[in-house]
Amino acid sequence: MDRIRLKDKEFELFIPEEEIKEAIAKVAERIRADVEGTHPLFVGILNGAFMFTAELMRQLNEPYEITFARYSSYKGTSTTGVVREIMPVQADVKGRTLILIEDIIDTGFTMQYVMDKLRKDGAADVKLATMLFKPDSLKCDLKPDYIGIRIPSDFIVGYGPVLYTHLTLPTSELVGVLGVGGVLLKKHQSQAGT
């Protein structure tokens, strides 16, 4: 699968499965070393990070507590700049060390908002793990603690950051096309630059 078409966009292979697996293993190794002897609360950020969260927790292979939350600041493929809390963290955060698990950091506004909110809610410490980080797109003072892969500011789909609502395709159609063992695709740029 070198290229696929989703609606009116063409995508090409960007990050193969093996590179993704290696990146997750390295993130897990760093987290394991940092949290040894403690009991952090892991928070998977839905919807995009569900696969990264599952793979990361499998790599950590310890009985850590995990919960989920959901926030949004996007409409279509652009950020609105306004963060909405759709589903808050489903556990008491007071006095806890939290590790947020996100699929991709783009502008950083959503995670900056979430981290600040959780600190105000009484979390002792809030760390951030992201599968993908777009440093050139960052528009705030956010420094992820754990980064899987740094990428350019391309529009991508696949392996978790499948942008269902952004592409307005039925989930079954995307899973059928992109559910191939964890590949990330980026928008194909034609010679004309479209």
N, C-alpha and C. Protein backbone atom coordinates (compact mmCIF):
# COMPACT_ATOMS: atom_id res chain seq x y z
N MET A 1 0.86 -1.17 0.00
CA MET A 1 0.00 0.00 0.00
C MET A 1 0.90 1.23 0.00
N ASP A 2 1.18 1.77 -1.17
CA ASP A 2 2.00 2.98 -1.27
C ASP A 2 1.15 4.23 -1.14
N ARG A 3 -0.03 4.21 -1.77
CA ARG A 3 -0.93 5.36 -1.72
C ARG A 3 -2.37 4.88 -1.63
N ILE A 4 -3.17 5.67 -0.93
CA ILE A 4 -4.61 5.41 -0.90
C ILE A 4 -5.33 6.74 -1.03
N ARG A 5 -6.57 6.67 -1.46
CA ARG A 5 -7.39 7.87 -1.60
C ARG A 5 -8.53 7.77 -0.59
N LEU A 6 -8.71 8.83 0.19
CA LEU A 6 -9.82 8.96 1.12
C LEU A 6 -10.58 10.22 0.74
N LYS A 7 -11.81 10.02 0.29
CA LYS A 7 -12.60 11.14 -0.23
C LYS A 7 -11.81 11.83 -1.32
N ASP A 8 -11.51 13.12 -1.16
CA ASP A 8 -10.82 13.87 -2.21
C ASP A 8 -9.33 14.03 -1.93
N LYS A 9 -8.78 13.29 -0.94
CA LYS A 9 -7.38 13.43 -0.58
C LYS A 9 -6.63 12.13 -0.85
N GLU A 10 -5.40 12.26 -1.34
CA GLU A 10 -4.57 11.10 -1.58
C GLU A 10 -3.47 11.07 -0.52
N PHE A 11 -3.22 9.88 0.05
CA PHE A 11 -2.23 9.73 1.11
C PHE A 11 -1.17 8.72 0.69
N GLU A 12 0.05 8.93 1.22
CA GLU A 12 1.15 8.01 0.96
C GLU A 12 1.72 7.54 2.29
N LEU A 13 2.39 6.38 2.26
CA LEU A 13 2.99 5.82 3.46
C LEU A 13 3.97 6.83 4.05
N PHE A 14 3.88 7.02 5.36
CA PHE A 14 4.72 8.01 6.04
C PHE A 14 5.60 7.34 7.09
N ILE A 15 4.99 6.61 8.01
CA ILE A 15 5.75 5.94 9.07
C ILE A 15 5.30 4.48 9.11
N PRO A 16 6.20 3.56 8.81
CA PRO A 16 5.83 2.15 8.81
C PRO A 16 5.62 1.59 10.22
N GLU A 17 4.93 0.48 10.28
CA GLU A 17 4.56 -0.16 11.54
C GLU A 17 5.75 -0.39 12.47
N GLU A 18 6.85 -0.89 11.94
CA GLU A 18 8.01 -1.19 12.80
C GLU A 18 8.54 0.05 13.50
N GLU A 19 8.57 1.18 12.80
CA GLU A 19 9.05 2.42 13.41
C GLU A 19 8.12 2.87 14.54
N ILE A 20 6.83 2.68 14.34
CA ILE A 20 5.84 3.02 15.37
C ILE A 20 6.06 2.14 16.60
N LYS A 21 6.21 0.83 16.38
CA LYS A 21 6.42 -0.09 17.50
C LYS A 21 7.69 0.25 18.28
N GLU A 22 8.76 0.56 17.58
CA GLU A 22 10.02 0.93 18.24
C GLU A 22 9.86 2.20 19.07
N ALA A 23 9.15 3.18 18.52
CA ALA A 23 8.94 4.44 19.23
C ALA A 23 8.13 4.22 20.50
N ILE A 24 7.10 3.40 20.42
CA ILE A 24 6.27 3.12 21.61
C ILE A 24 7.09 2.39 22.67
N ALA A 25 7.91 1.44 22.24
CA ALA A 25 8.76 0.71 23.19
C ALA A 25 9.71 1.65 23.92
N LYS A 26 10.28 2.62 23.20
CA LYS A 26 11.21 3.57 23.83
C LYS A 26 10.48 4.50 24.81
N VAL A 27 9.28 4.94 24.43
CA VAL A 27 8.49 5.78 25.34
C VAL A 27 8.17 4.99 26.61
N ALA A 28 7.75 3.74 26.45
CA ALA A 28 7.42 2.89 27.60
C ALA A 28 8.63 2.70 28.51
N GLU A 29 9.78 2.50 27.93
CA GLU A 29 11.02 2.32 28.70
C GLU A 29 11.33 3.56 29.54
N ARG A 30 11.19 4.74 28.95
CA ARG A 30 11.46 5.99 29.68
C ARG A 30 10.44 6.21 30.80
N ILE A 31 9.18 5.95 30.50
CA ILE A 31 8.14 6.12 31.52
C ILE A 31 8.38 5.15 32.66
N ARG A 32 8.65 3.90 32.34
CA ARG A 32 8.88 2.87 33.36
C ARG A 32 10.00 3.30 34.31
N ALA A 33 11.08 3.82 33.76
CA ALA A 33 12.21 4.27 34.58
C ALA A 33 11.81 5.46 35.46
N ASP A 34 11.02 6.37 34.91
CA ASP A 34 10.62 7.57 35.66
C ASP A 34 9.62 7.30 36.78
N VAL A 35 8.76 6.31 36.60
CA VAL A 35 7.68 6.09 37.58
C VAL A 35 7.92 4.90 38.50
N GLU A 36 9.09 4.31 38.40
CA GLU A 36 9.39 3.14 39.21
C GLU A 36 9.13 3.42 40.69
N GLY A 37 8.37 2.55 41.32
CA GLY A 37 8.07 2.68 42.74
C GLY A 37 6.93 3.64 43.04
N THR A 38 6.30 4.20 42.02
CA THR A 38 5.16 5.11 42.24
C THR A 38 3.91 4.51 41.61
N HIS A 39 2.80 5.17 41.81
CA HIS A 39 1.52 4.69 41.27
C HIS A 39 0.82 5.81 40.52
N PRO A 40 1.33 6.15 39.33
CA PRO A 40 0.71 7.23 38.57
C PRO A 40 -0.65 6.80 38.01
N LEU A 41 -1.43 7.79 37.66
CA LEU A 41 -2.70 7.56 36.97
C LEU A 41 -2.45 7.91 35.51
N PHE A 42 -2.65 6.96 34.62
CA PHE A 42 -2.52 7.19 33.19
C PHE A 42 -3.87 7.63 32.66
N VAL A 43 -3.86 8.67 31.81
CA VAL A 43 -5.10 9.21 31.25
C VAL A 43 -4.99 9.20 29.72
N GLY A 44 -5.70 8.30 29.07
CA GLY A 44 -5.75 8.25 27.62
C GLY A 44 -6.70 9.31 27.11
N ILE A 45 -6.25 10.11 26.16
CA ILE A 45 -7.08 11.18 25.60
C ILE A 45 -7.79 10.64 24.36
N LEU A 46 -9.11 10.56 24.47
CA LEU A 46 -9.93 10.02 23.38
C LEU A 46 -10.21 11.10 22.34
N ASN A 47 -10.49 10.74 21.14
CA ASN A 47 -10.56 9.41 20.59
C ASN A 47 -9.21 8.96 20.01
N GLY A 48 -8.44 9.91 19.56
CA GLY A 48 -7.24 9.60 18.79
C GLY A 48 -6.22 8.73 19.48
N ALA A 49 -6.06 8.84 20.78
CA ALA A 49 -4.96 8.14 21.46
C ALA A 49 -5.32 6.74 21.92
N PHE A 50 -6.49 6.23 21.56
CA PHE A 50 -6.87 4.93 22.11
C PHE A 50 -5.91 3.82 21.71
N MET A 51 -5.42 3.80 20.47
CA MET A 51 -4.51 2.73 20.06
C MET A 51 -3.13 2.92 20.69
N PHE A 52 -2.64 4.14 20.72
CA PHE A 52 -1.35 4.42 21.36
C PHE A 52 -1.44 4.06 22.85
N THR A 53 -2.53 4.40 23.49
CA THR A 53 -2.72 4.07 24.91
C THR A 53 -2.66 2.57 25.12
N ALA A 54 -3.38 1.81 24.30
CA ALA A 54 -3.40 0.35 24.44
C ALA A 54 -2.00 -0.24 24.24
N GLU A 55 -1.31 0.20 23.20
CA GLU A 55 0.03 -0.32 22.93
C GLU A 55 1.02 0.08 24.01
N LEU A 56 0.93 1.31 24.48
CA LEU A 56 1.83 1.78 25.52
C LEU A 56 1.62 1.01 26.82
N MET A 57 0.37 0.82 27.20
CA MET A 57 0.08 0.08 28.44
C MET A 57 0.53 -1.37 28.32
N ARG A 58 0.40 -1.95 27.14
CA ARG A 58 0.88 -3.32 26.92
C ARG A 58 2.40 -3.37 27.09
N GLN A 59 3.11 -2.37 26.57
CA GLN A 59 4.56 -2.30 26.69
C GLN A 59 4.99 -2.07 28.14
N LEU A 60 4.24 -1.26 28.87
CA LEU A 60 4.58 -1.00 30.28
C LEU A 60 4.43 -2.25 31.11
N ASN A 61 3.41 -3.05 30.79
CA ASN A 61 3.21 -4.37 31.39
C ASN A 61 3.25 -4.36 32.92
N GLU A 62 2.61 -3.38 33.52
CA GLU A 62 2.50 -3.28 34.97
C GLU A 62 1.04 -2.98 35.30
N PRO A 63 0.60 -3.24 36.51
CA PRO A 63 -0.80 -3.00 36.88
C PRO A 63 -1.07 -1.54 37.24
N TYR A 64 -0.84 -0.64 36.31
CA TYR A 64 -1.11 0.78 36.54
C TYR A 64 -2.59 1.07 36.40
N GLU A 65 -3.03 2.12 37.07
CA GLU A 65 -4.41 2.56 36.94
C GLU A 65 -4.52 3.43 35.68
N ILE A 66 -5.60 3.22 34.93
CA ILE A 66 -5.80 3.98 33.70
C ILE A 66 -7.25 4.45 33.62
N THR A 67 -7.42 5.63 33.08
CA THR A 67 -8.75 6.19 32.84
C THR A 67 -8.68 6.95 31.52
N PHE A 68 -9.80 7.54 31.14
CA PHE A 68 -9.85 8.24 29.86
C PHE A 68 -10.54 9.59 30.03
N ALA A 69 -10.27 10.49 29.10
CA ALA A 69 -10.91 11.80 29.05
C ALA A 69 -10.99 12.19 27.58
N ARG A 70 -11.85 13.17 27.32
CA ARG A 70 -11.98 13.62 25.94
C ARG A 70 -12.16 15.14 25.90
N TYR A 71 -11.35 15.76 25.05
CA TYR A 71 -11.37 17.21 24.87
C TYR A 71 -11.32 17.48 23.37
N SER A 72 -11.79 18.64 22.97
CA SER A 72 -11.74 18.99 21.56
C SER A 72 -11.55 20.48 21.39
N SER A 73 -10.75 20.83 20.40
CA SER A 73 -10.62 22.24 20.03
C SER A 73 -10.65 22.37 18.51
N TYR A 74 -11.02 21.29 17.82
CA TYR A 74 -11.01 21.29 16.37
C TYR A 74 -12.42 21.29 15.79
N LYS A 75 -12.55 21.95 14.67
CA LYS A 75 -13.74 21.87 13.85
C LYS A 75 -13.23 21.60 12.45
N GLY A 76 -13.56 20.45 11.90
CA GLY A 76 -12.96 20.06 10.63
C GLY A 76 -11.50 19.75 10.85
N THR A 77 -10.64 20.33 10.06
CA THR A 77 -9.20 20.08 10.20
C THR A 77 -8.47 21.26 10.81
N SER A 78 -9.20 22.22 11.37
CA SER A 78 -8.57 23.41 11.96
C SER A 78 -8.98 23.58 13.42
N THR A 79 -8.06 24.12 14.21
CA THR A 79 -8.36 24.39 15.61
C THR A 79 -9.21 25.66 15.72
N THR A 80 -10.14 25.63 16.66
CA THR A 80 -10.97 26.81 16.91
C THR A 80 -10.33 27.72 17.94
N GLY A 81 -9.37 27.17 18.69
CA GLY A 81 -8.74 27.93 19.77
C GLY A 81 -9.52 27.85 21.07
N VAL A 82 -10.69 27.23 21.03
CA VAL A 82 -11.53 27.07 22.22
C VAL A 82 -11.58 25.58 22.56
N VAL A 83 -11.13 25.22 23.77
CA VAL A 83 -11.11 23.82 24.18
C VAL A 83 -12.43 23.49 24.87
N ARG A 84 -13.04 22.40 24.42
CA ARG A 84 -14.27 21.91 25.04
C ARG A 84 -13.96 20.61 25.77
N GLU A 85 -14.42 20.51 27.02
CA GLU A 85 -14.28 19.27 27.77
C GLU A 85 -15.51 18.42 27.49
N ILE A 86 -15.32 17.36 26.75
CA ILE A 86 -16.43 16.50 26.36
C ILE A 86 -16.65 15.42 27.42
N MET A 87 -15.56 14.85 27.94
CA MET A 87 -15.63 13.86 29.01
C MET A 87 -14.45 14.10 29.95
N PRO A 88 -14.70 14.55 31.17
CA PRO A 88 -13.59 14.83 32.09
C PRO A 88 -12.90 13.54 32.55
N VAL A 89 -11.73 13.69 33.15
CA VAL A 89 -11.01 12.56 33.72
C VAL A 89 -11.95 11.84 34.68
N GLN A 90 -12.02 10.53 34.57
CA GLN A 90 -12.97 9.73 35.32
C GLN A 90 -12.39 9.18 36.63
N ALA A 91 -11.55 9.96 37.30
CA ALA A 91 -10.95 9.53 38.57
C ALA A 91 -10.57 10.78 39.36
N ASP A 92 -10.40 10.60 40.67
CA ASP A 92 -9.96 11.70 41.53
C ASP A 92 -8.47 11.96 41.25
N VAL A 93 -8.12 13.19 40.92
CA VAL A 93 -6.73 13.52 40.57
C VAL A 93 -5.98 14.18 41.72
N LYS A 94 -6.66 14.52 42.80
CA LYS A 94 -6.01 15.25 43.90
C LYS A 94 -4.82 14.46 44.45
N GLY A 95 -3.65 15.14 44.46
CA GLY A 95 -2.45 14.54 45.02
C GLY A 95 -1.81 13.47 44.16
N ARG A 96 -2.34 13.23 42.97
CA ARG A 96 -1.83 12.15 42.11
C ARG A 96 -0.84 12.68 41.08
N THR A 97 0.05 11.81 40.65
CA THR A 97 0.86 12.06 39.47
C THR A 97 0.10 11.49 38.29
N LEU A 98 -0.13 12.34 37.27
CA LEU A 98 -0.87 11.91 36.08
C LEU A 98 0.08 11.87 34.89
N ILE A 99 -0.14 10.89 34.02
CA ILE A 99 0.56 10.85 32.75
C ILE A 99 -0.51 10.84 31.67
N LEU A 100 -0.63 11.97 30.97
CA LEU A 100 -1.59 12.08 29.87
C LEU A 100 -1.00 11.39 28.65
N ILE A 101 -1.84 10.63 27.94
CA ILE A 101 -1.40 9.92 26.75
C ILE A 101 -2.18 10.49 25.57
N GLU A 102 -1.47 11.17 24.68
CA GLU A 102 -2.08 11.84 23.53
C GLU A 102 -1.52 11.26 22.24
N ASP A 103 -2.32 11.30 21.18
CA ASP A 103 -1.85 10.77 19.90
C ASP A 103 -0.92 11.72 19.18
N ILE A 104 -1.28 13.02 19.17
CA ILE A 104 -0.49 13.97 18.39
C ILE A 104 -0.58 15.36 19.01
N ILE A 105 0.55 16.03 19.11
CA ILE A 105 0.58 17.42 19.57
C ILE A 105 0.85 18.28 18.35
N ASP A 106 -0.10 19.15 18.09
CA ASP A 106 -0.03 20.05 16.94
C ASP A 106 0.21 21.47 17.47
N THR A 107 -0.81 22.27 17.68
CA THR A 107 -0.63 23.62 18.23
C THR A 107 -0.26 23.56 19.71
N GLY A 108 -0.72 22.51 20.40
CA GLY A 108 -0.43 22.34 21.83
C GLY A 108 -1.47 22.97 22.73
N PHE A 109 -2.38 23.77 22.19
CA PHE A 109 -3.36 24.48 23.01
C PHE A 109 -4.24 23.55 23.85
N THR A 110 -4.71 22.46 23.25
CA THR A 110 -5.60 21.56 23.99
C THR A 110 -4.88 20.95 25.19
N MET A 111 -3.69 20.40 24.97
CA MET A 111 -2.98 19.76 26.08
C MET A 111 -2.51 20.77 27.11
N GLN A 112 -2.16 21.98 26.70
CA GLN A 112 -1.79 23.01 27.66
C GLN A 112 -2.99 23.31 28.56
N TYR A 113 -4.16 23.46 27.97
CA TYR A 113 -5.38 23.71 28.73
C TYR A 113 -5.66 22.55 29.70
N VAL A 114 -5.58 21.32 29.20
CA VAL A 114 -5.87 20.14 30.03
C VAL A 114 -4.89 20.04 31.19
N MET A 115 -3.60 20.22 30.92
CA MET A 115 -2.60 20.11 31.98
C MET A 115 -2.81 21.19 33.04
N ASP A 116 -3.07 22.41 32.62
CA ASP A 116 -3.34 23.50 33.57
C ASP A 116 -4.58 23.20 34.41
N LYS A 117 -5.62 22.71 33.76
CA LYS A 117 -6.87 22.39 34.47
C LYS A 117 -6.64 21.30 35.52
N LEU A 118 -5.91 20.26 35.16
CA LEU A 118 -5.67 19.16 36.09
C LEU A 118 -4.80 19.60 37.27
N ARG A 119 -3.86 20.51 37.02
CA ARG A 119 -3.07 21.05 38.14
C ARG A 119 -3.98 21.86 39.07
N LYS A 120 -4.87 22.66 38.50
CA LYS A 120 -5.83 23.43 39.32
C LYS A 120 -6.76 22.52 40.10
N ASP A 121 -7.05 21.34 39.52
CA ASP A 121 -7.91 20.36 40.20
C ASP A 121 -7.17 19.60 41.29
N GLY A 122 -5.88 19.89 41.48
CA GLY A 122 -5.15 19.31 42.59
C GLY A 122 -4.16 18.20 42.26
N ALA A 123 -3.91 17.93 40.99
CA ALA A 123 -2.92 16.90 40.64
C ALA A 123 -1.55 17.34 41.15
N ALA A 124 -0.80 16.41 41.73
CA ALA A 124 0.53 16.71 42.25
C ALA A 124 1.51 17.00 41.12
N ASP A 125 1.37 16.26 40.02
CA ASP A 125 2.25 16.43 38.87
C ASP A 125 1.49 15.94 37.64
N VAL A 126 1.71 16.60 36.51
CA VAL A 126 1.08 16.19 35.26
C VAL A 126 2.15 16.10 34.19
N LYS A 127 2.31 14.91 33.64
CA LYS A 127 3.28 14.67 32.57
C LYS A 127 2.51 14.36 31.29
N LEU A 128 3.19 14.51 30.16
CA LEU A 128 2.55 14.32 28.87
C LEU A 128 3.37 13.40 27.99
N ALA A 129 2.72 12.33 27.52
CA ALA A 129 3.31 11.41 26.54
C ALA A 129 2.54 11.56 25.25
N THR A 130 3.25 11.73 24.14
CA THR A 130 2.59 11.84 22.84
C THR A 130 3.26 10.92 21.83
N MET A 131 2.45 10.27 21.03
CA MET A 131 3.00 9.41 19.98
C MET A 131 3.69 10.26 18.92
N LEU A 132 3.03 11.36 18.52
CA LEU A 132 3.56 12.22 17.48
C LEU A 132 3.63 13.66 17.96
N PHE A 133 4.68 14.35 17.57
CA PHE A 133 4.86 15.74 17.98
C PHE A 133 5.26 16.54 16.75
N LYS A 134 4.50 17.62 16.48
CA LYS A 134 4.80 18.53 15.38
C LYS A 134 5.40 19.82 15.95
N PRO A 135 6.71 19.85 16.21
CA PRO A 135 7.30 21.03 16.85
C PRO A 135 7.13 22.31 16.04
N ASP A 136 7.08 22.21 14.72
CA ASP A 136 6.92 23.42 13.90
C ASP A 136 5.51 24.00 13.96
N SER A 137 4.55 23.22 14.45
CA SER A 137 3.16 23.69 14.56
C SER A 137 2.83 24.23 15.94
N LEU A 138 3.70 23.98 16.92
CA LEU A 138 3.45 24.37 18.30
C LEU A 138 3.29 25.88 18.43
N LYS A 139 2.23 26.30 19.13
CA LYS A 139 1.94 27.72 19.28
C LYS A 139 1.82 28.15 20.73
N CYS A 140 2.35 27.35 21.64
CA CYS A 140 2.31 27.69 23.06
C CYS A 140 3.53 27.08 23.73
N ASP A 141 3.68 27.35 25.01
CA ASP A 141 4.83 26.86 25.77
C ASP A 141 4.50 25.50 26.37
N LEU A 142 4.55 24.48 25.54
CA LEU A 142 4.24 23.12 25.96
C LEU A 142 5.43 22.23 25.62
N LYS A 143 5.87 21.46 26.60
CA LYS A 143 7.00 20.57 26.37
C LYS A 143 6.61 19.16 26.78
N PRO A 144 6.26 18.31 25.81
CA PRO A 144 5.91 16.93 26.16
C PRO A 144 7.08 16.25 26.87
N ASP A 145 6.75 15.44 27.87
CA ASP A 145 7.78 14.72 28.63
C ASP A 145 8.27 13.49 27.88
N TYR A 146 7.39 12.90 27.09
CA TYR A 146 7.72 11.67 26.36
C TYR A 146 7.21 11.82 24.94
N ILE A 147 8.10 11.70 23.97
CA ILE A 147 7.74 11.87 22.56
C ILE A 147 8.11 10.59 21.80
N GLY A 148 7.13 10.05 21.08
CA GLY A 148 7.40 8.88 20.25
C GLY A 148 8.19 9.27 19.02
N ILE A 149 7.59 10.11 18.15
CA ILE A 149 8.21 10.50 16.89
C ILE A 149 7.92 11.98 16.63
N ARG A 150 8.96 12.71 16.27
CA ARG A 150 8.78 14.09 15.82
C ARG A 150 8.50 14.06 14.32
N ILE A 151 7.49 14.83 13.91
CA ILE A 151 7.11 14.83 12.50
C ILE A 151 6.93 16.26 12.00
N PRO A 152 6.99 16.45 10.67
CA PRO A 152 6.71 17.78 10.12
C PRO A 152 5.21 18.09 10.23
N SER A 153 4.83 19.27 9.85
CA SER A 153 3.44 19.73 9.99
C SER A 153 2.55 19.25 8.84
N ASP A 154 2.58 17.96 8.56
CA ASP A 154 1.74 17.38 7.52
C ASP A 154 0.42 16.91 8.11
N PHE A 155 -0.60 16.86 7.30
CA PHE A 155 -1.89 16.30 7.67
C PHE A 155 -1.76 14.79 7.54
N ILE A 156 -2.02 14.04 8.62
CA ILE A 156 -1.82 12.60 8.60
C ILE A 156 -3.09 11.88 9.05
N VAL A 157 -3.18 10.62 8.68
CA VAL A 157 -4.26 9.73 9.14
C VAL A 157 -3.65 8.37 9.43
N GLY A 158 -4.37 7.55 10.19
CA GLY A 158 -3.94 6.17 10.44
C GLY A 158 -3.48 5.97 11.86
N TYR A 159 -3.44 4.71 12.28
CA TYR A 159 -2.95 4.29 13.59
C TYR A 159 -3.33 5.22 14.75
N GLY A 160 -4.58 5.35 15.00
CA GLY A 160 -4.97 6.19 16.12
C GLY A 160 -5.38 7.59 15.72
N PRO A 161 -4.48 8.38 15.11
CA PRO A 161 -4.95 9.71 14.72
C PRO A 161 -5.77 9.66 13.43
N VAL A 162 -6.69 8.69 13.36
CA VAL A 162 -7.61 8.63 12.24
C VAL A 162 -8.66 9.70 12.48
N LEU A 163 -8.68 10.69 11.63
CA LEU A 163 -9.53 11.85 11.86
C LEU A 163 -10.90 11.62 11.26
N TYR A 164 -11.69 10.72 11.89
CA TYR A 164 -12.99 10.33 11.37
C TYR A 164 -13.87 11.55 11.09
N THR A 165 -14.04 12.39 12.07
CA THR A 165 -14.94 13.51 11.90
C THR A 165 -14.40 14.52 10.90
N HIS A 166 -13.10 14.60 10.81
CA HIS A 166 -12.51 15.55 9.87
C HIS A 166 -12.68 15.10 8.43
N LEU A 167 -12.67 13.79 8.22
CA LEU A 167 -12.78 13.28 6.86
C LEU A 167 -14.21 12.94 6.49
N THR A 168 -15.08 12.91 7.46
CA THR A 168 -16.50 12.56 7.29
C THR A 168 -16.70 11.29 6.47
N LEU A 169 -15.91 10.27 6.79
CA LEU A 169 -16.10 8.95 6.21
C LEU A 169 -16.68 8.03 7.26
N PRO A 170 -17.45 7.03 6.85
CA PRO A 170 -17.94 6.07 7.84
C PRO A 170 -16.76 5.35 8.50
N THR A 171 -16.86 5.10 9.79
CA THR A 171 -15.79 4.42 10.52
C THR A 171 -15.41 3.11 9.85
N SER A 172 -16.39 2.34 9.42
CA SER A 172 -16.10 1.04 8.81
C SER A 172 -15.24 1.19 7.56
N GLU A 173 -15.45 2.25 6.80
CA GLU A 173 -14.65 2.47 5.59
C GLU A 173 -13.20 2.79 5.96
N LEU A 174 -13.00 3.62 6.98
CA LEU A 174 -11.64 3.96 7.40
C LEU A 174 -10.93 2.75 7.99
N VAL A 175 -11.63 1.98 8.82
CA VAL A 175 -11.00 0.82 9.43
C VAL A 175 -10.59 -0.17 8.35
N GLY A 176 -11.45 -0.34 7.35
CA GLY A 176 -11.12 -1.25 6.26
C GLY A 176 -9.89 -0.82 5.50
N VAL A 177 -9.68 0.48 5.36
CA VAL A 177 -8.55 0.99 4.60
C VAL A 177 -7.31 1.14 5.47
N LEU A 178 -7.50 1.63 6.70
CA LEU A 178 -6.35 2.00 7.53
C LEU A 178 -6.04 1.03 8.66
N GLY A 179 -6.85 0.02 8.86
CA GLY A 179 -6.62 -0.88 9.96
C GLY A 179 -5.55 -1.90 9.66
N VAL A 180 -4.55 -1.53 8.92
CA VAL A 180 -3.49 -2.44 8.49
C VAL A 180 -2.28 -2.28 9.39
N GLY A 181 -2.29 -2.96 10.52
CA GLY A 181 -1.12 -3.06 11.37
C GLY A 181 -0.37 -1.79 11.69
N GLY A 182 -1.02 -0.70 11.87
CA GLY A 182 -0.36 0.50 12.36
C GLY A 182 0.54 1.20 11.38
N VAL A 183 -0.01 1.80 10.38
CA VAL A 183 0.79 2.65 9.50
C VAL A 183 0.23 4.06 9.59
N LEU A 184 1.09 5.01 9.41
CA LEU A 184 0.65 6.40 9.33
C LEU A 184 0.83 6.86 7.91
N LEU A 185 -0.13 7.61 7.44
CA LEU A 185 -0.10 8.11 6.09
C LEU A 185 -0.11 9.62 6.13
N LYS A 186 0.54 10.25 5.18
CA LYS A 186 0.46 11.70 5.09
C LYS A 186 -0.14 12.07 3.75
N LYS A 187 -0.71 13.24 3.69
CA LYS A 187 -1.34 13.70 2.46
C LYS A 187 -0.30 13.76 1.36
N HIS A 188 -0.63 13.18 0.22
CA HIS A 188 0.27 13.18 -0.92
C HIS A 188 0.28 14.56 -1.57
N GLN A 189 1.46 15.06 -1.84
CA GLN A 189 1.62 16.35 -2.52
C GLN A 189 1.92 16.09 -3.99
N SER A 190 1.04 16.53 -4.87
CA SER A 190 1.29 16.34 -6.29
C SER A 190 2.35 17.33 -6.76
N GLN A 191 2.80 17.15 -7.98
CA GLN A 191 3.82 18.03 -8.54
C GLN A 191 3.37 19.49 -8.57
N ALA A 192 2.05 19.68 -8.70
CA ALA A 192 1.52 21.04 -8.77
C ALA A 192 1.39 21.67 -7.38
N GLY A 193 1.70 20.89 -6.33
CA GLY A 193 1.65 21.40 -4.96
C GLY A 193 0.28 21.38 -4.34
N THR A 194 -0.64 20.57 -4.89
CA THR A 194 -1.99 20.50 -4.29
C THR A 194 -2.05 19.43 -3.25
